[in-house]
C-alpha atoms as a PDB file:
ATOM      1  CA  MET A   1      32.483 -37.939 -28.862  1.00  0.00           C
ATOM      2  CA  PHE A   2      29.663 -38.260 -26.352  1.00  0.00           C
ATOM      3  CA  THR A   3      25.870 -38.614 -26.334  1.00  0.00           C
ATOM      4  CA  GLY A   4      24.791 -36.385 -23.462  1.00  0.00           C
ATOM      5  CA  ILE A   5      23.473 -39.376 -21.521  1.00  0.00           C
ATOM      6  CA  VAL A   6      25.022 -38.940 -18.071  1.00  0.00           C
ATOM      7  CA  GLU A   7      26.365 -42.196 -16.650  1.00  0.00           C
ATOM      8  CA  GLU A   8      26.931 -41.049 -13.089  1.00  0.00           C
ATOM      9  CA  VAL A   9      27.169 -38.008 -10.868  1.00  0.00           C
ATOM     10  CA  GLY A  10      30.723 -37.676  -9.580  1.00  0.00           C
ATOM     11  CA  VAL A  11      32.135 -35.521  -6.802  1.00  0.00           C
ATOM     12  CA  VAL A  12      35.031 -33.080  -7.005  1.00  0.00           C
ATOM     13  CA  LEU A  13      37.704 -34.246  -4.563  1.00  0.00           C
ATOM     14  CA  ALA A  14      40.186 -31.467  -5.326  1.00  0.00           C
ATOM     15  CA  SER A  15      40.434 -28.479  -7.623  1.00  0.00           C
ATOM     16  CA  GLY A  16      43.289 -26.123  -8.355  1.00  0.00           C
ATOM     17  CA  ASP A  17      46.786 -26.114  -9.815  1.00  0.00           C
ATOM     18  CA  GLY A  18      45.315 -26.450 -13.308  1.00  0.00           C
ATOM     19  CA  GLY A  19      43.408 -29.639 -12.658  1.00  0.00           C
ATOM     20  CA  LEU A  20      40.615 -31.551 -10.982  1.00  0.00           C
ATOM     21  CA  ARG A  21      40.461 -34.842  -9.119  1.00  0.00           C
ATOM     22  CA  ILE A  22      37.012 -36.405  -9.298  1.00  0.00           C
ATOM     23  CA  ARG A  23      35.458 -39.421  -7.626  1.00  0.00           C
ATOM     24  CA  GLY A  24      33.560 -41.299 -10.314  1.00  0.00           C
ATOM     25  CA  PRO A  25      33.846 -45.064  -9.848  1.00  0.00           C
ATOM     26  CA  LEU A  26      32.017 -45.940 -13.072  1.00  0.00           C
ATOM     27  CA  ALA A  27      33.881 -43.406 -15.197  1.00  0.00           C
ATOM     28  CA  ALA A  28      37.212 -44.480 -13.687  1.00  0.00           C
ATOM     29  CA  SER A  29      36.452 -48.220 -13.856  1.00  0.00           C
ATOM     30  CA  ASP A  30      37.681 -48.752 -17.406  1.00  0.00           C
ATOM     31  CA  ALA A  31      39.437 -45.461 -18.088  1.00  0.00           C
ATOM     32  CA  GLY A  32      43.038 -45.291 -19.169  1.00  0.00           C
ATOM     33  CA  HIS A  33      45.615 -42.556 -19.192  1.00  0.00           C
ATOM     34  CA  GLY A  34      44.727 -40.196 -22.072  1.00  0.00           C
ATOM     35  CA  ASP A  35      41.053 -41.224 -22.305  1.00  0.00           C
ATOM     36  CA  SER A  36      38.339 -38.595 -22.592  1.00  0.00           C
ATOM     37  CA  ILE A  37      35.633 -38.111 -19.983  1.00  0.00           C
ATOM     38  CA  ALA A  38      32.958 -35.420 -20.194  1.00  0.00           C
ATOM     39  CA  VAL A  39      32.815 -33.529 -16.900  1.00  0.00           C
ATOM     40  CA  SER A  40      29.581 -31.518 -16.805  1.00  0.00           C
ATOM     41  CA  GLY A  41      29.758 -31.378 -20.578  1.00  0.00           C
ATOM     42  CA  VAL A  42      33.449 -30.519 -20.927  1.00  0.00           C
ATOM     43  CA  CYS A  43      35.657 -33.082 -22.681  1.00  0.00           C
ATOM     44  CA  LEU A  44      38.723 -33.567 -20.466  1.00  0.00           C
ATOM     45  CA  THR A  45      41.693 -35.923 -20.691  1.00  0.00           C
ATOM     46  CA  VAL A  46      42.495 -38.390 -17.905  1.00  0.00           C
ATOM     47  CA  THR A  47      45.974 -37.771 -16.500  1.00  0.00           C
ATOM     48  CA  ASP A  48      45.971 -40.041 -13.446  1.00  0.00           C
ATOM     49  CA  LEU A  49      44.051 -43.044 -12.148  1.00  0.00           C
ATOM     50  CA  PRO A  50      45.060 -43.844  -8.565  1.00  0.00           C
ATOM     51  CA  GLY A  51      42.835 -46.955  -8.423  1.00  0.00           C
ATOM     52  CA  ASP A  52      40.455 -45.659  -5.750  1.00  0.00           C
ATOM     53  CA  GLY A  53      37.497 -44.879  -8.020  1.00  0.00           C
ATOM     54  CA  SER A  54      38.786 -41.425  -8.836  1.00  0.00           C
ATOM     55  CA  PHE A  55      40.582 -39.837 -11.762  1.00  0.00           C
ATOM     56  CA  ALA A  56      42.500 -36.632 -12.416  1.00  0.00           C
ATOM     57  CA  VAL A  57      42.262 -34.281 -15.402  1.00  0.00           C
ATOM     58  CA  ASP A  58      44.129 -31.167 -16.460  1.00  0.00           C
ATOM     59  CA  VAL A  59      42.059 -28.040 -17.049  1.00  0.00           C
ATOM     60  CA  MET A  60      43.602 -25.303 -19.193  1.00  0.00           C
ATOM     61  CA  PRO A  61      43.052 -21.602 -18.401  1.00  0.00           C
ATOM     62  CA  GLU A  62      41.079 -21.321 -21.678  1.00  0.00           C
ATOM     63  CA  THR A  63      38.680 -24.017 -20.449  1.00  0.00           C
ATOM     64  CA  LEU A  64      38.287 -22.334 -17.070  1.00  0.00           C
ATOM     65  CA  ARG A  65      37.526 -19.023 -18.779  1.00  0.00           C
ATOM     66  CA  ARG A  66      34.960 -20.421 -21.225  1.00  0.00           C
ATOM     67  CA  THR A  67      33.134 -22.889 -18.967  1.00  0.00           C
ATOM     68  CA  ALA A  68      31.628 -23.092 -15.493  1.00  0.00           C
ATOM     69  CA  LEU A  69      34.392 -25.468 -14.312  1.00  0.00           C
ATOM     70  CA  GLY A  70      36.372 -22.608 -12.787  1.00  0.00           C
ATOM     71  CA  GLY A  71      33.737 -22.253 -10.085  1.00  0.00           C
ATOM     72  CA  LEU A  72      33.935 -25.882  -8.943  1.00  0.00           C
ATOM     73  CA  ARG A  73      34.943 -26.543  -5.342  1.00  0.00           C
ATOM     74  CA  THR A  74      35.672 -29.660  -3.312  1.00  0.00           C
ATOM     75  CA  GLY A  75      32.438 -31.575  -2.735  1.00  0.00           C
ATOM     76  CA  ASP A  76      30.614 -30.200  -5.775  1.00  0.00           C
ATOM     77  CA  PRO A  77      28.713 -32.730  -7.908  1.00  0.00           C
ATOM     78  CA  VAL A  78      29.511 -33.079 -11.624  1.00  0.00           C
ATOM     79  CA  ASN A  79      27.844 -35.006 -14.450  1.00  0.00           C
ATOM     80  CA  LEU A  80      30.131 -37.684 -15.904  1.00  0.00           C
ATOM     81  CA  GLU A  81      30.035 -39.535 -19.204  1.00  0.00           C
ATOM     82  CA  ARG A  82      32.685 -41.738 -20.755  1.00  0.00           C
ATOM     83  CA  SER A  83      33.353 -41.280 -24.464  1.00  0.00           C
ATOM     84  CA  LEU A  84      31.059 -43.115 -26.867  1.00  0.00           C
ATOM     85  CA  ARG A  85      32.101 -46.547 -28.070  1.00  0.00           C
ATOM     86  CA  ALA A  86      31.674 -47.136 -31.800  1.00  0.00           C
ATOM     87  CA  ASP A  87      29.344 -50.095 -31.174  1.00  0.00           C
ATOM     88  CA  ALA A  88      27.104 -48.297 -28.654  1.00  0.00           C
ATOM     89  CA  ARG A  89      23.656 -46.772 -29.088  1.00  0.00           C
ATOM     90  CA  LEU A  90      23.477 -43.018 -29.591  1.00  0.00           C
ATOM     91  CA  GLY A  91      20.830 -42.402 -26.947  1.00  0.00           C
ATOM     92  CA  GLY A  92      21.041 -38.605 -26.846  1.00  0.00           C
ATOM     93  CA  HIS A  93      22.594 -36.638 -29.696  1.00  0.00           C
ATOM     94  CA  VAL A  94      26.094 -36.011 -31.051  1.00  0.00           C
ATOM     95  CA  VAL A  95      27.966 -34.156 -28.310  1.00  0.00           C
ATOM     96  CA  GLN A  96      31.581 -33.096 -28.712  1.00  0.00           C
ATOM     97  CA  GLY A  97      32.294 -31.869 -25.201  1.00  0.00           C
ATOM     98  CA  HIS A  98      33.358 -28.510 -26.663  1.00  0.00           C
ATOM     99  CA  VAL A  99      31.413 -25.982 -24.606  1.00  0.00           C
ATOM    100  CA  ASP A 100      30.116 -23.028 -26.628  1.00  0.00           C
ATOM    101  CA  GLY A 101      29.271 -20.817 -23.677  1.00  0.00           C
ATOM    102  CA  VAL A 102      27.987 -20.541 -20.143  1.00  0.00           C
ATOM    103  CA  GLY A 103      24.297 -19.972 -19.537  1.00  0.00           C
ATOM    104  CA  THR A 104      22.420 -19.023 -16.380  1.00  0.00           C
ATOM    105  CA  VAL A 105      19.341 -20.690 -14.919  1.00  0.00           C
ATOM    106  CA  LEU A 106      16.683 -17.962 -15.077  1.00  0.00           C
ATOM    107  CA  SER A 107      13.704 -19.851 -13.668  1.00  0.00           C
ATOM    108  CA  ARG A 108      12.438 -23.262 -12.556  1.00  0.00           C
ATOM    109  CA  HIS A 109       8.830 -24.316 -12.547  1.00  0.00           C
ATOM    110  CA  PRO A 110       8.072 -27.695 -10.965  1.00  0.00           C
ATOM    111  CA  GLY A 111       5.339 -29.714 -12.624  1.00  0.00           C
ATOM    112  CA  GLU A 112       3.565 -32.889 -11.591  1.00  0.00           C
ATOM    113  CA  ARG A 113       6.093 -35.103 -13.354  1.00  0.00           C
ATOM    114  CA  TRP A 114       8.793 -32.752 -14.652  1.00  0.00           C
ATOM    115  CA  ASP A 115      10.357 -29.339 -14.159  1.00  0.00           C
ATOM    116  CA  THR A 116      10.448 -26.630 -16.798  1.00  0.00           C
ATOM    117  CA  VAL A 117      13.745 -24.760 -16.677  1.00  0.00           C
ATOM    118  CA  ARG A 118      14.530 -21.507 -18.508  1.00  0.00           C
ATOM    119  CA  VAL A 119      18.190 -20.801 -19.266  1.00  0.00           C
ATOM    120  CA  GLY A 120      19.588 -17.460 -20.372  1.00  0.00           C
ATOM    121  CA  LEU A 121      22.384 -17.354 -22.934  1.00  0.00           C
ATOM    122  CA  ASP A 122      24.286 -14.954 -25.156  1.00  0.00           C
ATOM    123  CA  ARG A 123      22.250 -13.787 -28.175  1.00  0.00           C
ATOM    124  CA  GLU A 124      25.023 -14.887 -30.555  1.00  0.00           C
ATOM    125  CA  LEU A 125      24.737 -18.429 -29.209  1.00  0.00           C
ATOM    126  CA  ALA A 126      20.919 -18.332 -29.084  1.00  0.00           C
ATOM    127  CA  ARG A 127      20.744 -18.200 -32.878  1.00  0.00           C
ATOM    128  CA  PHE A 128      21.851 -21.863 -32.942  1.00  0.00           C
ATOM    129  CA  VAL A 129      19.035 -23.019 -30.625  1.00  0.00           C
ATOM    130  CA  ALA A 130      15.760 -24.210 -32.155  1.00  0.00           C
ATOM    131  CA  GLU A 131      12.509 -25.402 -30.625  1.00  0.00           C
ATOM    132  CA  LYS A 132      12.449 -29.229 -30.643  1.00  0.00           C
ATOM    133  CA  GLY A 133      16.189 -29.176 -31.362  1.00  0.00           C
ATOM    134  CA  ALA A 134      18.902 -30.646 -29.171  1.00  0.00           C
ATOM    135  CA  ILE A 135      21.101 -28.808 -26.679  1.00  0.00           C
ATOM    136  CA  THR A 136      23.566 -30.009 -24.084  1.00  0.00           C
ATOM    137  CA  VAL A 137      23.245 -28.440 -20.622  1.00  0.00           C
ATOM    138  CA  SER A 138      26.109 -29.321 -18.268  1.00  0.00           C
ATOM    139  CA  GLY A 139      26.626 -32.530 -20.204  1.00  0.00           C
ATOM    140  CA  VAL A 140      22.956 -33.547 -20.423  1.00  0.00           C
ATOM    141  CA  SER A 141      21.323 -33.992 -23.838  1.00  0.00           C
ATOM    142  CA  LEU A 142      17.965 -32.200 -23.770  1.00  0.00           C
ATOM    143  CA  THR A 143      15.191 -31.235 -26.166  1.00  0.00           C
ATOM    144  CA  VAL A 144      14.445 -27.527 -26.398  1.00  0.00           C
ATOM    145  CA  THR A 145      10.772 -26.827 -25.663  1.00  0.00           C
ATOM    146  CA  ALA A 146      10.689 -23.039 -26.199  1.00  0.00           C
ATOM    147  CA  VAL A 147      13.078 -20.323 -27.397  1.00  0.00           C
ATOM    148  CA  GLY A 148      13.496 -16.553 -27.129  1.00  0.00           C
ATOM    149  CA  ASP A 149      16.091 -14.047 -28.257  1.00  0.00           C
ATOM    150  CA  ASP A 150      18.354 -14.762 -25.289  1.00  0.00           C
ATOM    151  CA  TRP A 151      16.822 -17.772 -23.526  1.00  0.00           C
ATOM    152  CA  PHE A 152      15.510 -21.278 -24.085  1.00  0.00           C
ATOM    153  CA  GLU A 153      13.471 -23.738 -22.039  1.00  0.00           C
ATOM    154  CA  VAL A 154      13.817 -27.462 -21.456  1.00  0.00           C
ATOM    155  CA  GLY A 155      11.692 -29.982 -19.609  1.00  0.00           C
ATOM    156  CA  LEU A 156      13.479 -32.194 -17.081  1.00  0.00           C
ATOM    157  CA  ILE A 157      11.875 -35.606 -16.666  1.00  0.00           C
ATOM    158  CA  PRO A 158      12.059 -37.494 -13.331  1.00  0.00           C
ATOM    159  CA  THR A 159      15.084 -39.542 -14.465  1.00  0.00           C
ATOM    160  CA  THR A 160      17.029 -36.396 -15.373  1.00  0.00           C
ATOM    161  CA  LEU A 161      16.016 -34.729 -12.110  1.00  0.00           C
ATOM    162  CA  ALA A 162      17.130 -37.727 -10.042  1.00  0.00           C
ATOM    163  CA  GLU A 163      20.236 -38.862 -11.924  1.00  0.00           C
ATOM    164  CA  THR A 164      22.001 -35.637 -12.946  1.00  0.00           C
ATOM    165  CA  THR A 165      23.072 -32.396 -11.301  1.00  0.00           C
ATOM    166  CA  LEU A 166      20.261 -30.561 -13.106  1.00  0.00           C
ATOM    167  CA  GLY A 167      17.766 -31.727 -10.477  1.00  0.00           C
ATOM    168  CA  THR A 168      19.318 -29.476  -7.826  1.00  0.00           C
ATOM    169  CA  LEU A 169      20.292 -26.405  -9.853  1.00  0.00           C
ATOM    170  CA  ALA A 170      19.068 -23.159  -8.333  1.00  0.00           C
ATOM    171  CA  VAL A 171      18.035 -20.016 -10.151  1.00  0.00           C
ATOM    172  CA  GLY A 172      21.212 -18.089 -10.953  1.00  0.00           C
ATOM    173  CA  ALA A 173      23.371 -21.213 -11.322  1.00  0.00           C
ATOM    174  CA  PRO A 174      25.819 -21.263 -14.248  1.00  0.00           C
ATOM    175  CA  VAL A 175      25.550 -24.136 -16.746  1.00  0.00           C
ATOM    176  CA  ASN A 176      27.820 -25.254 -19.577  1.00  0.00           C
ATOM    177  CA  LEU A 177      26.100 -25.097 -22.969  1.00  0.00           C
ATOM    178  CA  GLU A 178      26.928 -26.904 -26.182  1.00  0.00           C
ATOM    179  CA  VAL A 179      24.636 -26.209 -29.111  1.00  0.00           C
ATOM    180  CA  ASP A 180      24.000 -28.800 -31.789  1.00  0.00           C
ATOM    181  CA  VAL A 181      27.123 -29.088 -33.957  1.00  0.00           C
ATOM    182  CA  LEU A 182      24.984 -29.483 -37.097  1.00  0.00           C
ATOM    183  CA  ALA A 183      23.440 -26.039 -36.483  1.00  0.00           C
ATOM    184  CA  LYS A 184      26.922 -24.516 -36.279  1.00  0.00           C
ATOM    185  CA  TYR A 185      28.021 -26.099 -39.559  1.00  0.00           C
ATOM    186  CA  VAL A 186      24.845 -25.047 -41.384  1.00  0.00           C
ATOM    187  CA  ALA A 187      25.251 -21.470 -40.121  1.00  0.00           C
ATOM    188  CA  ARG A 188      28.894 -21.428 -41.230  1.00  0.00           C
ATOM    189  CA  LEU A 189      27.986 -22.691 -44.706  1.00  0.00           C
ATOM    190  CA  LEU A 190      25.270 -20.042 -45.066  1.00  0.00           C
ATOM    191  CA  GLU A 191      27.656 -17.308 -43.905  1.00  0.00           C
ATOM    192  CA  THR A 192      30.385 -18.246 -46.376  1.00  0.00           C
ATOM    193  CA  GLY A 193      28.009 -19.008 -49.259  1.00  0.00           C
ATOM    194  CA  ARG A 194      29.831 -22.248 -50.033  1.00  0.00           C
END
């Protein structure tokens, strides 16, 4: 489990052959074989720690198909978060690292102190997104500021702009989306009538 509070921006050192090697000194500092690290919002399992501030993870074809990780290349930045410790503060919201879909940055409007970003998403996924609700965008816990049938908007504060990959995303960029797990459970209960 994660919180959506990015701890560092890592760099892809290698991609291919069903895995990634990522430089992330903080994430790797106390990681062990089999630990979970969220890579741009995708929960992945550490398979190797060479001791140089990097770590390796396997990435299944299913993950590549359902997330934006398949487009990563050497040198690309990624948001990193270690799994939540039981005695830690939950600074964002409950994030599983199970990506629900890939969205697309539709627009960016810089403000005096923050940017407003509109993200397009599948209509089936949009039904789980509510104004003032939580959403995870490429591993970052954000508050939804506006919603439409197939889009939502978020405001990115200076800290988010400076300390995550969201600060440099261009219009048209793909982003991993995880909707609030509570919304999914409520919808499932309403659908089944139980």
